[in-house]
Protein backbone atom coordinates (compact mmCIF):
# COMPACT_ATOMS: atom_id res chain seq x y z
CA MET A 1 153.47 -58.14 48.22
CA LYS A 2 150.49 -57.26 50.37
CA LYS A 3 151.99 -53.83 51.02
CA THR A 4 152.35 -53.20 47.26
CA VAL A 5 148.76 -54.27 46.61
CA LEU A 6 147.54 -52.04 49.43
CA ILE A 7 149.44 -49.02 48.06
CA ASN A 8 148.16 -49.66 44.53
CA SER A 9 144.60 -50.01 45.81
CA LEU A 10 144.91 -46.77 47.74
CA LEU A 11 146.30 -44.92 44.69
CA PHE A 12 143.50 -46.33 42.52
CA SER A 13 140.91 -45.21 45.06
CA ILE A 14 142.33 -41.68 45.16
CA LEU A 15 142.50 -41.53 41.36
CA PHE A 16 138.91 -42.78 41.06
CA GLN A 17 137.65 -40.17 43.51
CA PHE A 18 139.52 -37.42 41.62
CA ILE A 19 138.03 -38.55 38.28
CA PHE A 20 134.55 -38.81 39.81
CA ILE A 21 134.75 -35.29 41.26
CA SER A 22 136.08 -33.90 37.95
CA VAL A 23 133.33 -35.57 35.90
CA ARG A 24 130.64 -34.61 38.36
CA SER A 25 131.70 -30.94 38.17
CA GLN A 26 130.95 -31.00 34.43
CA ILE A 27 127.38 -32.22 34.98
CA ARG A 28 124.77 -29.49 34.97
CA GLU A 29 122.65 -29.71 38.09
CA THR A 30 118.92 -29.87 37.47
CA TYR A 31 116.17 -28.46 39.67
CA SER A 32 112.41 -28.70 40.09
CA ASP A 33 110.22 -27.79 37.13
CA GLU A 34 109.31 -24.51 38.85
CA VAL A 35 112.94 -23.49 39.37
CA GLU A 36 113.94 -24.61 35.87
CA GLU A 37 111.22 -22.35 34.48
CA LYS A 38 112.63 -19.41 36.44
CA ILE A 39 116.10 -20.18 35.08
CA ARG A 40 114.67 -20.22 31.55
CA GLN A 41 113.05 -16.83 32.15
CA VAL A 42 116.29 -15.37 33.52
CA GLU A 43 118.14 -16.67 30.46
CA ASN A 44 115.69 -14.92 28.15
CA ASN A 45 115.14 -11.56 29.84
CA LEU A 46 118.50 -9.81 30.01
CA ILE A 47 117.76 -6.09 30.27
CA SER A 48 119.97 -3.02 30.11
CA TRP A 49 119.26 0.58 31.13
CA VAL A 50 116.90 0.72 28.16
CA LYS A 51 113.73 -1.36 28.26
CA LEU A 52 112.28 -2.19 24.87
CA ASP A 53 109.27 -4.28 23.95
CA SER A 54 109.52 -7.55 25.91
CA SER A 55 110.12 -9.47 22.70
CA CYS A 56 113.35 -7.48 22.30
CA ASN A 57 114.93 -8.58 25.60
CA TRP A 58 118.11 -10.59 25.12
CA ASN A 59 118.77 -14.27 25.40
CA ILE A 60 121.87 -14.95 27.49
CA TYR A 61 123.58 -16.99 24.77
CA ASP A 62 122.94 -14.38 22.08
CA ARG A 63 124.09 -11.60 24.39
CA MET A 64 127.28 -13.45 25.29
CA LYS A 65 128.07 -13.83 21.61
CA GLU A 66 127.31 -10.18 20.86
CA LEU A 67 129.41 -8.85 23.74
CA HIS A 68 132.24 -11.38 23.29
CA ILE A 69 131.61 -12.89 26.72
CA ASN A 70 133.44 -16.19 27.11
CA GLY A 71 131.99 -17.41 30.38
CA VAL A 72 129.71 -16.55 33.29
CA SER A 73 128.60 -18.20 36.53
CA ILE A 74 125.38 -17.17 38.29
CA ALA A 75 123.99 -18.04 41.73
CA VAL A 76 120.52 -16.93 42.86
CA ILE A 77 119.48 -16.70 46.51
CA ASN A 78 115.81 -17.00 47.47
CA ASN A 79 114.42 -17.30 50.99
CA TYR A 80 117.93 -17.43 52.50
CA LYS A 81 118.99 -20.41 50.36
CA ILE A 82 120.85 -20.92 47.08
CA GLU A 83 117.85 -21.67 44.87
CA TRP A 84 119.99 -22.38 41.83
CA ALA A 85 123.42 -21.91 40.34
CA ARG A 86 124.25 -22.28 36.69
CA SER A 87 127.24 -21.57 34.48
CA TYR A 88 127.59 -20.80 30.78
CA GLY A 89 130.28 -20.66 28.13
CA TRP A 90 134.00 -21.23 28.36
CA ALA A 91 136.36 -20.91 31.29
CA ASP A 92 139.06 -21.15 28.64
CA SER A 93 137.91 -20.87 25.02
CA ALA A 94 141.19 -22.00 23.45
CA GLY A 95 141.30 -25.18 25.53
CA LYS A 96 137.53 -25.70 25.27
CA LEU A 97 137.26 -25.85 29.05
CA PRO A 98 133.63 -25.13 29.99
CA VAL A 99 132.56 -22.99 32.93
CA THR A 100 130.97 -25.05 35.70
CA ASN A 101 129.68 -24.12 39.12
CA ALA A 102 133.10 -25.23 40.41
CA THR A 103 135.00 -22.76 38.20
CA LEU A 104 136.97 -20.11 40.11
CA PHE A 105 136.94 -16.50 38.92
CA GLN A 106 138.90 -13.50 40.13
CA ALA A 107 136.23 -11.66 42.13
CA ALA A 108 138.13 -8.35 42.21
CA SER A 109 136.70 -5.66 44.51
CA VAL A 110 133.86 -7.92 45.64
CA GLY A 111 136.52 -9.18 48.03
CA LYS A 112 136.39 -5.85 49.88
CA SER A 113 133.19 -7.12 51.49
CA ILE A 114 134.94 -10.26 52.77
CA ASN A 115 137.68 -7.98 54.11
CA GLY A 116 135.07 -5.84 55.84
CA LEU A 117 133.67 -8.91 57.57
CA ALA A 118 137.19 -9.94 58.63
CA CYS A 119 138.01 -6.52 60.06
CA LEU A 120 134.76 -6.33 62.01
CA LYS A 121 135.63 -9.73 63.46
CA LEU A 122 138.79 -8.10 64.85
CA VAL A 123 136.64 -5.30 66.27
CA GLN A 124 134.25 -7.82 67.85
CA ASP A 125 137.20 -9.67 69.39
CA ASN A 126 138.50 -6.37 70.87
CA LYS A 127 141.69 -6.50 68.80
CA ILE A 128 141.12 -3.01 67.41
CA SER A 129 138.84 -0.03 67.85
CA PRO A 130 137.23 1.08 64.57
CA ASP A 131 137.48 4.71 65.66
CA LYS A 132 141.10 5.09 66.79
CA ASP A 133 144.28 5.99 64.94
CA ILE A 134 145.44 3.07 62.78
CA ASN A 135 149.05 3.83 63.71
CA ASP A 136 148.22 2.76 67.27
CA TYR A 137 147.88 -0.79 65.89
CA LEU A 138 150.27 -0.93 62.93
CA ARG A 139 153.73 -2.39 63.69
CA SER A 140 155.30 -3.44 60.39
CA TRP A 141 154.55 -0.13 58.69
CA LYS A 142 153.20 3.23 59.79
CA PHE A 143 151.01 5.58 57.79
CA PRO A 144 153.05 8.74 56.98
CA TYR A 145 150.71 11.56 57.98
CA ASP A 146 151.36 14.98 56.47
CA THR A 147 149.70 18.41 56.45
CA VAL A 148 147.05 17.32 53.94
CA SER A 149 145.24 15.33 56.64
CA HIS A 150 144.95 18.51 58.80
CA ASN A 151 146.17 16.63 61.88
CA GLN A 152 143.15 14.31 61.76
CA LYS A 153 143.97 10.65 62.35
CA ILE A 154 142.77 7.87 60.05
CA THR A 155 140.65 5.06 61.52
CA LEU A 156 139.76 1.53 60.48
CA ALA A 157 136.15 2.55 59.86
CA GLU A 158 137.32 5.28 57.49
CA LEU A 159 139.56 2.89 55.56
CA LEU A 160 136.70 0.41 55.10
CA SER A 161 134.17 3.10 54.10
CA HIS A 162 136.48 4.95 51.67
CA THR A 163 136.29 8.10 53.79
CA ALA A 164 139.97 8.20 54.83
CA GLY A 165 140.84 10.73 52.11
CA LEU A 166 143.46 8.46 50.53
CA SER A 167 144.85 7.97 47.02
CA VAL A 168 145.11 4.92 44.71
CA HIS A 169 141.69 3.95 43.40
CA GLY A 170 142.68 0.43 42.30
CA PHE A 171 145.46 -1.86 41.12
CA ASP A 172 146.49 -3.06 37.66
CA GLY A 173 148.00 -6.43 38.49
CA TYR A 174 151.16 -8.05 37.10
CA LYS A 175 151.92 -10.31 34.16
CA TRP A 176 153.51 -13.66 34.91
CA ASP A 177 156.95 -12.53 33.78
CA GLN A 178 156.92 -9.47 36.06
CA PRO A 179 158.19 -9.33 39.67
CA VAL A 180 155.46 -9.12 42.30
CA PRO A 181 155.87 -6.51 45.08
CA SER A 182 155.50 -6.94 48.81
CA LEU A 183 152.67 -5.25 50.71
CA THR A 184 155.09 -2.64 52.05
CA SER A 185 156.25 -1.81 48.52
CA ILE A 186 152.63 -1.49 47.42
CA LEU A 187 151.76 0.92 50.23
CA ASN A 188 154.90 2.98 49.59
CA GLY A 189 154.56 2.88 45.80
CA GLU A 190 158.09 1.51 45.49
CA LYS A 191 159.30 -0.73 42.67
CA PRO A 192 158.40 -3.32 41.63
CA ALA A 193 154.96 -1.97 42.59
CA ASN A 194 153.22 -0.34 39.60
CA ASN A 195 151.04 1.98 41.70
CA PRO A 196 151.81 5.35 43.32
CA PRO A 197 152.14 5.51 47.11
CA VAL A 198 149.03 5.41 49.27
CA ARG A 199 148.89 8.89 50.76
CA SER A 200 146.44 11.51 52.02
CA GLU A 201 144.60 13.66 49.49
CA PHE A 202 142.22 15.43 51.87
CA GLU A 203 141.15 15.45 55.50
CA PRO A 204 139.78 12.05 56.61
CA GLY A 205 136.15 11.63 57.62
CA THR A 206 134.82 14.41 55.38
CA LYS A 207 133.61 12.67 52.20
CA VAL A 208 133.68 9.41 50.24
CA GLN A 209 136.52 8.79 47.78
CA TYR A 210 137.00 5.20 46.68
CA SER A 211 140.48 3.99 47.63
CA GLY A 212 141.63 0.43 47.12
CA GLY A 213 144.95 1.66 48.44
CA GLY A 214 143.35 2.59 51.74
CA VAL A 215 141.76 -0.84 52.02
CA GLU A 216 145.18 -2.43 51.51
CA ILE A 217 146.31 -0.80 54.77
CA THR A 218 143.75 -3.03 56.52
CA GLU A 219 145.62 -6.06 55.18
CA MET A 220 148.68 -4.88 57.11
CA LEU A 221 146.48 -4.33 60.17
CA VAL A 222 145.17 -7.91 60.00
CA ARG A 223 148.70 -9.29 59.76
CA ASP A 224 150.07 -7.14 62.59
CA LEU A 225 147.14 -7.74 64.94
CA THR A 226 146.94 -11.52 64.50
CA ASP A 227 150.52 -12.56 63.71
CA LEU A 228 149.01 -14.62 60.89
CA SER A 229 149.18 -14.22 57.16
CA TYR A 230 146.13 -12.55 55.68
CA GLU A 231 145.21 -15.81 53.94
CA GLU A 232 145.40 -17.79 57.20
CA PHE A 233 143.20 -15.34 59.07
CA ILE A 234 140.53 -15.28 56.36
CA SER A 235 140.56 -19.08 56.02
CA ASN A 236 140.27 -19.63 59.78
CA ASN A 237 137.60 -17.01 60.42
CA ILE A 238 135.54 -16.82 57.22
CA PHE A 239 136.22 -19.45 54.56
CA ASN A 240 136.22 -22.46 56.89
CA PRO A 241 133.26 -21.45 59.12
CA LEU A 242 131.11 -20.59 56.07
CA GLY A 243 132.08 -23.64 54.02
CA MET A 244 133.74 -21.54 51.32
CA VAL A 245 135.95 -24.41 50.19
CA ASN A 246 136.46 -23.01 46.68
CA SER A 247 138.03 -19.69 47.64
CA THR A 248 141.70 -18.74 47.82
CA TYR A 249 144.12 -15.82 47.70
CA ALA A 250 146.93 -17.80 46.04
CA LEU A 251 148.62 -15.83 43.24
CA LYS A 252 148.61 -18.95 41.05
CA PRO A 253 146.15 -21.39 42.62
CA ALA A 254 147.44 -24.97 42.35
CA GLY A 255 146.37 -28.45 43.37
CA ASN A 256 142.61 -28.95 43.30
CA PHE A 257 142.11 -25.40 42.00
CA GLU A 258 144.57 -25.38 39.12
CA ASN A 259 142.32 -26.94 36.46
CA ARG A 260 139.25 -24.98 37.55
CA LEU A 261 140.50 -21.44 36.97
CA ALA A 262 138.78 -19.15 34.47
CA THR A 263 141.02 -17.45 31.92
CA ALA A 264 140.83 -13.65 31.69
CA TYR A 265 139.53 -11.95 28.52
CA ARG A 266 139.22 -8.33 27.48
CA PHE A 267 135.89 -6.64 26.66
CA ASP A 268 136.28 -7.66 23.02
CA GLY A 269 136.95 -11.31 23.84
CA SER A 270 140.70 -11.18 23.21
CA PRO A 271 143.32 -12.58 25.67
CA ILE A 272 145.04 -10.18 28.08
CA GLY A 273 148.57 -11.38 27.34
CA CYS A 274 148.67 -14.18 29.92
CA LYS A 275 146.15 -16.59 31.41
CA TYR A 276 145.32 -14.05 34.12
CA ASN A 277 147.04 -11.21 35.95
CA LEU A 278 148.66 -11.70 39.32
CA TYR A 279 147.25 -9.53 42.10
CA PRO A 280 149.18 -9.54 45.40
CA GLU A 281 146.64 -7.08 46.85
CA LYS A 282 144.34 -9.26 48.96
CA ALA A 283 142.28 -7.03 51.27
CA CYS A 284 141.00 -4.92 48.40
CA GLY A 285 139.82 -8.14 46.75
CA ALA A 286 141.93 -8.03 43.60
CA GLY A 287 143.66 -11.30 44.48
CA LEU A 288 140.55 -13.27 45.53
CA TRP A 289 139.65 -16.39 43.54
CA THR A 290 136.19 -17.81 44.28
CA THR A 291 132.98 -19.27 42.88
CA SER A 292 129.47 -17.89 42.63
CA THR A 293 128.17 -20.41 45.18
CA ASP A 294 130.90 -19.59 47.72
CA LEU A 295 129.98 -15.90 47.50
CA ALA A 296 126.31 -16.83 47.85
CA ARG A 297 127.13 -18.63 51.13
CA PHE A 298 128.90 -15.46 52.30
CA ILE A 299 125.81 -13.34 51.49
CA ILE A 300 123.43 -15.77 53.23
CA GLU A 301 125.51 -15.74 56.42
CA ILE A 302 125.28 -11.95 56.56
CA GLN A 303 121.52 -12.07 55.96
CA LEU A 304 120.99 -14.67 58.68
CA SER A 305 123.29 -12.83 61.07
CA LEU A 306 121.10 -9.73 60.75
CA LEU A 307 118.22 -11.91 61.97
CA ASN A 308 120.42 -13.33 64.76
CA LYS A 309 119.84 -16.80 63.25
CA SER A 310 123.47 -17.51 62.40
CA ASN A 311 126.48 -15.85 63.98
CA ARG A 312 129.39 -17.94 62.74
CA VAL A 313 131.45 -14.77 62.26
CA LEU A 314 129.68 -11.71 63.70
CA SER A 315 126.88 -10.95 66.10
CA ALA A 316 123.70 -9.36 64.76
CA ALA A 317 124.65 -6.00 66.28
CA MET A 318 128.14 -6.04 64.74
CA THR A 319 126.74 -7.09 61.35
CA GLU A 320 124.28 -4.21 61.46
CA ARG A 321 127.12 -1.81 62.25
CA MET A 322 129.12 -3.21 59.34
CA LEU A 323 126.24 -2.49 56.94
CA THR A 324 125.59 1.05 58.20
CA PRO A 325 126.97 3.88 56.01
CA TYR A 326 129.78 5.62 57.87
CA LEU A 327 128.89 9.17 56.82
CA MET A 328 125.29 10.29 56.90
CA GLY A 329 123.85 10.79 53.44
CA THR A 330 126.26 8.37 51.74
CA ASN A 331 125.91 4.71 50.72
CA SER A 332 129.41 3.57 51.75
CA ALA A 333 129.39 1.17 54.70
CA LEU A 334 132.31 -0.85 56.12
CA GLY A 335 133.30 -2.93 53.09
CA PHE A 336 129.89 -2.71 51.47
CA PHE A 337 127.75 -0.29 49.49
CA ILE A 338 124.10 0.10 50.43
CA LYS A 339 121.31 0.42 47.85
CA ASN A 340 117.86 1.66 48.83
CA LYS A 341 115.18 0.25 46.56
CA LYS A 342 111.40 0.48 46.64
CA ASP A 343 111.04 -3.07 47.96
CA GLY A 344 113.83 -2.84 50.51
CA VAL A 345 117.50 -2.24 51.21
CA TYR A 346 120.37 -4.22 49.64
CA PHE A 347 124.07 -4.55 50.44
CA GLN A 348 126.27 -4.99 47.39
CA HIS A 349 129.64 -4.66 45.74
CA SER A 350 130.96 -4.89 42.19
CA GLY A 351 134.42 -5.84 40.97
CA LEU A 352 136.66 -5.24 37.97
CA ASN A 353 140.07 -6.77 37.22
CA GLU A 354 141.69 -6.92 33.83
CA GLY A 355 139.72 -9.75 32.19
CA PHE A 356 137.17 -10.24 35.00
CA SER A 357 134.05 -8.48 36.29
CA SER A 358 131.70 -9.34 39.13
CA GLN A 359 128.63 -8.20 41.04
CA TYR A 360 126.56 -9.37 43.97
CA TYR A 361 123.44 -8.11 45.75
CA GLY A 362 121.91 -9.29 49.01
CA SER A 363 118.71 -8.00 50.56
CA MET A 364 118.74 -6.86 54.17
CA LYS A 365 115.37 -8.58 54.60
CA ASP A 366 113.53 -11.45 52.85
CA GLY A 367 116.66 -13.42 51.96
CA LYS A 368 117.04 -12.45 48.29
CA GLY A 369 120.27 -12.16 46.37
CA VAL A 370 122.33 -12.81 43.26
CA VAL A 371 125.99 -13.35 42.36
CA VAL A 372 127.39 -12.91 38.84
CA LEU A 373 131.01 -13.75 37.94
CA VAL A 374 132.29 -13.11 34.39
CA ASN A 375 135.70 -13.74 32.80
CA SER A 376 135.47 -10.52 30.79
CA ASP A 377 135.98 -6.88 31.74
CA MET A 378 132.87 -5.93 29.73
CA THR A 379 130.91 -4.69 32.77
CA ASP A 380 127.52 -4.13 31.14
CA PHE A 381 126.83 -7.86 30.87
CA LYS A 382 126.86 -8.57 34.62
CA ASP A 383 124.38 -5.74 35.20
CA GLU A 384 122.06 -7.11 32.52
CA VAL A 385 122.07 -10.52 34.21
CA VAL A 386 121.29 -8.93 37.59
CA ASN A 387 118.43 -6.98 36.03
CA SER A 388 117.01 -10.17 34.58
CA VAL A 389 117.13 -11.98 37.93
CA ALA A 390 115.49 -8.98 39.64
CA THR A 391 112.72 -8.93 37.02
CA VAL A 392 111.98 -12.67 37.11
CA TYR A 393 111.98 -12.80 40.92
CA GLY A 394 109.82 -9.71 41.31
CA TRP A 395 112.29 -7.38 43.04
CA LYS A 396 109.99 -4.42 42.71
CA ASP A 397 111.50 -1.36 40.99
CA PHE A 398 114.96 -2.79 41.61
CA TYR A 399 116.56 -1.43 38.48
CA PRO A 400 115.78 1.89 36.78
CA TYR A 401 115.20 1.90 33.04
CA SER A 402 114.26 4.17 30.20
CA LEU A 403 111.36 2.92 28.09
CA LYS A 404 112.07 3.36 24.39
CA ARG A 405 110.67 2.31 21.03
CA ILE A 406 113.09 1.80 18.14
CA ARG A 407 112.19 3.18 14.71
CA GLN A 408 113.53 2.18 11.29
CA ILE A 409 114.92 5.25 9.48
CA PRO A 410 115.37 5.27 5.67
CA ASP A 411 118.89 5.01 4.22
CA ARG A 412 118.52 8.38 2.49
CA ILE A 413 118.50 9.96 5.96
CA THR A 414 120.94 7.76 7.87
CA ASP A 415 123.55 8.01 5.07
CA LYS A 416 123.92 11.70 5.94
CA TYR A 417 125.02 10.88 9.48
CA THR A 418 128.16 8.89 8.59
CA GLY A 419 131.53 10.60 8.97
CA LYS A 420 134.00 11.90 11.52
CA TYR A 421 133.04 14.05 14.49
CA ARG A 422 134.94 16.03 17.10
CA PHE A 423 134.03 17.04 20.63
CA GLU A 424 133.72 20.78 21.13
CA ASN A 425 137.04 22.28 22.32
CA SER A 426 138.83 18.98 21.72
CA ALA A 427 141.03 17.42 19.07
CA GLU A 428 139.36 14.03 19.53
CA GLY A 429 135.98 12.66 18.65
CA PRO A 430 134.03 9.63 17.41
CA GLU A 431 133.36 8.30 13.95
CA ILE A 432 130.01 7.05 12.66
CA ILE A 433 130.10 4.27 10.09
CA LYS A 434 127.46 2.23 8.28
CA GLU A 435 127.54 -1.53 7.97
CA SER A 436 124.82 -3.89 6.71
CA GLY A 437 122.29 -1.05 6.84
CA ALA A 438 122.99 -0.12 10.48
CA LEU A 439 124.90 2.84 11.91
CA TYR A 440 127.68 2.34 14.47
CA LEU A 441 129.56 4.90 16.55
CA ILE A 442 133.25 4.24 17.26
CA PRO A 443 134.34 6.22 20.37
CA PRO A 444 137.87 7.68 20.34
CA GLY A 445 140.52 5.36 21.72
CA PHE A 446 138.04 2.46 21.76
CA SER A 447 138.49 -0.70 19.72
CA GLY A 448 134.80 -1.59 19.89
CA ARG A 449 131.73 0.15 18.55
CA TRP A 450 128.19 0.98 19.65
CA LYS A 451 125.12 0.39 17.53
CA ILE A 452 122.95 3.47 17.00
CA CYS A 453 119.24 2.95 17.71
CA PHE A 454 116.86 5.63 16.44
CA THR A 455 113.72 6.76 18.26
CA SER A 456 113.04 9.46 15.59
CA GLU A 457 114.81 10.67 12.46
CA ARG A 458 117.25 12.70 14.58
CA ASP A 459 117.04 11.25 18.09
CA PHE A 460 119.01 8.14 18.99
CA PHE A 461 120.58 6.22 21.84
CA MET A 462 123.31 3.61 22.23
CA LEU A 463 123.23 0.85 24.82
CA GLY A 464 126.93 1.37 25.46
CA SER A 465 126.38 5.04 26.28
CA ARG A 466 124.44 4.52 29.49
CA TRP A 467 121.82 7.03 30.63
CA ALA A 468 122.48 9.44 27.78
CA ASN A 469 120.50 10.31 24.66
CA GLN A 470 121.82 11.78 21.45
CA GLN A 471 120.27 14.12 18.89
CA PHE A 472 121.61 15.19 15.47
CA PHE A 473 121.40 18.91 14.64
CA THR A 474 121.62 20.75 11.30
CA ASP A 475 122.46 24.15 9.84
CA GLU A 476 120.01 26.46 8.05
CA ASN A 477 120.38 24.37 4.86
CA ASP A 478 119.52 21.16 6.68
CA ASN A 479 123.09 19.86 6.47
CA ILE A 480 124.20 17.71 9.40
CA LYS A 481 126.42 19.82 11.68
CA GLY A 482 126.82 17.33 14.53
CA PHE A 483 124.96 15.82 17.44
CA TYR A 484 124.27 16.53 21.10
CA ILE A 485 124.92 14.13 23.99
CA ILE A 486 122.11 14.86 26.42
CA GLY A 487 122.08 13.70 30.05
CA ASP A 488 120.09 14.71 33.11
CA ASN A 489 122.17 17.79 33.84
CA TYR A 490 124.41 18.28 30.82
CA LYS A 491 124.47 18.76 27.06
CA VAL A 492 127.68 18.06 25.12
CA VAL A 493 128.25 19.29 21.56
CA VAL A 494 129.93 16.95 19.06
CA ASN A 495 130.62 18.65 15.70
CA LYS A 496 130.80 16.94 12.32
CA ILE A 497 134.18 17.73 10.77
CA ASP A 498 133.68 16.42 7.23
CA LEU A 499 130.91 18.75 6.14
CA HIS A 500 131.18 18.08 2.42
CA PRO A 501 127.81 17.19 0.84
CA GLU A 502 126.91 13.52 1.15
CA LYS A 503 126.66 11.52 -2.03
């Protein structure tokens, strides 16, 4: 009898703790009045590549609705600490599951930075030289050199910095009803893998060409050099030391993670065909599930390591080497990209899976940073959130922008612009339609549309067409012939193909 009571009491205690943790995760954490005011400012100052009058900056809720963003989680680092973390929207809109700070997102290529840290740990432990032939260390699989590499051997540093001259930019993932390939099949491009083989495209060490395929070779290196699974090595050497308790490489995270996973959504807010894609590719980050606060802890460790104030993974010297671009004149370091801004230097990485996008920045000095995780592959939104954080926290000249003033153009003029267009020397082109008094451009092969904003009767821009301006042009009778797409070093002609007189 006593044994039964004891077991029941224990089960009740476990159940109570589980319920308490679940309920607590739904509670929005509050901060000091000063921090709450900064959060409010961030929420109301989303900015794109165009800067309008300050009253025209977006509110995060309005912007999420406009861009069909279901959910987002944000963590802000200030003075080497997580100053605040806050989450918005739905982790799963159909099930009405809200995003919380405990929600896990697929971080995509952001995970390449975690892989870089792991590989430099192997270098620090004298398991591998970053500058020697990778085939000297690979046992389970060897890279098949051919004449394209010009007899130059590929190194770990080149794999991490995307200078190995290799193919396969990224990976598409697998639906739940599809077979998932092994790492060897992925590297060889053999079924059931849905990618081509990872092979040389030019001589290594000569230029930067992004290659998720090349980074996947480092996953094999980790396994061969440690006799551990990739997941075990990362957990033992990064997740556990840094307190990243909400991070995993499981294809379908279960247990404590299962009810905290964000569902993937396309750029228009529609489902992707399953709850999320399966990504067996771990080193390149595609298969990493994590939270904004876990990634913030990762960033802070790197920042403190540079100061030699925390070396739970790497020494200050090894961290500095990791964040140094491999080829002079490039921004590609060993698992990281380096951004030089007016107020300092930042290490960063972005990520994109089907239904997920991500971005983080960390300053090399001063302990500043931000993490944005979104369950949508609409990539503009994450950048707008970063720009807002940078503005509110005074990251001087962090983001470039074009200052514009929108003008209202009469219907008698804008009506002439509607119709179908075609790119010069192409059979395809956009269409311009009018709805509720506003003009929208529908790009070819694109299910969405971009709103046209006029700066004069003929000059316009679209937020979706980043860093480009457009200008309508006419014939000698003032009939609309088409428009130009004008960038810094180019000018594209788009001809109107229905030239009949407008009504």
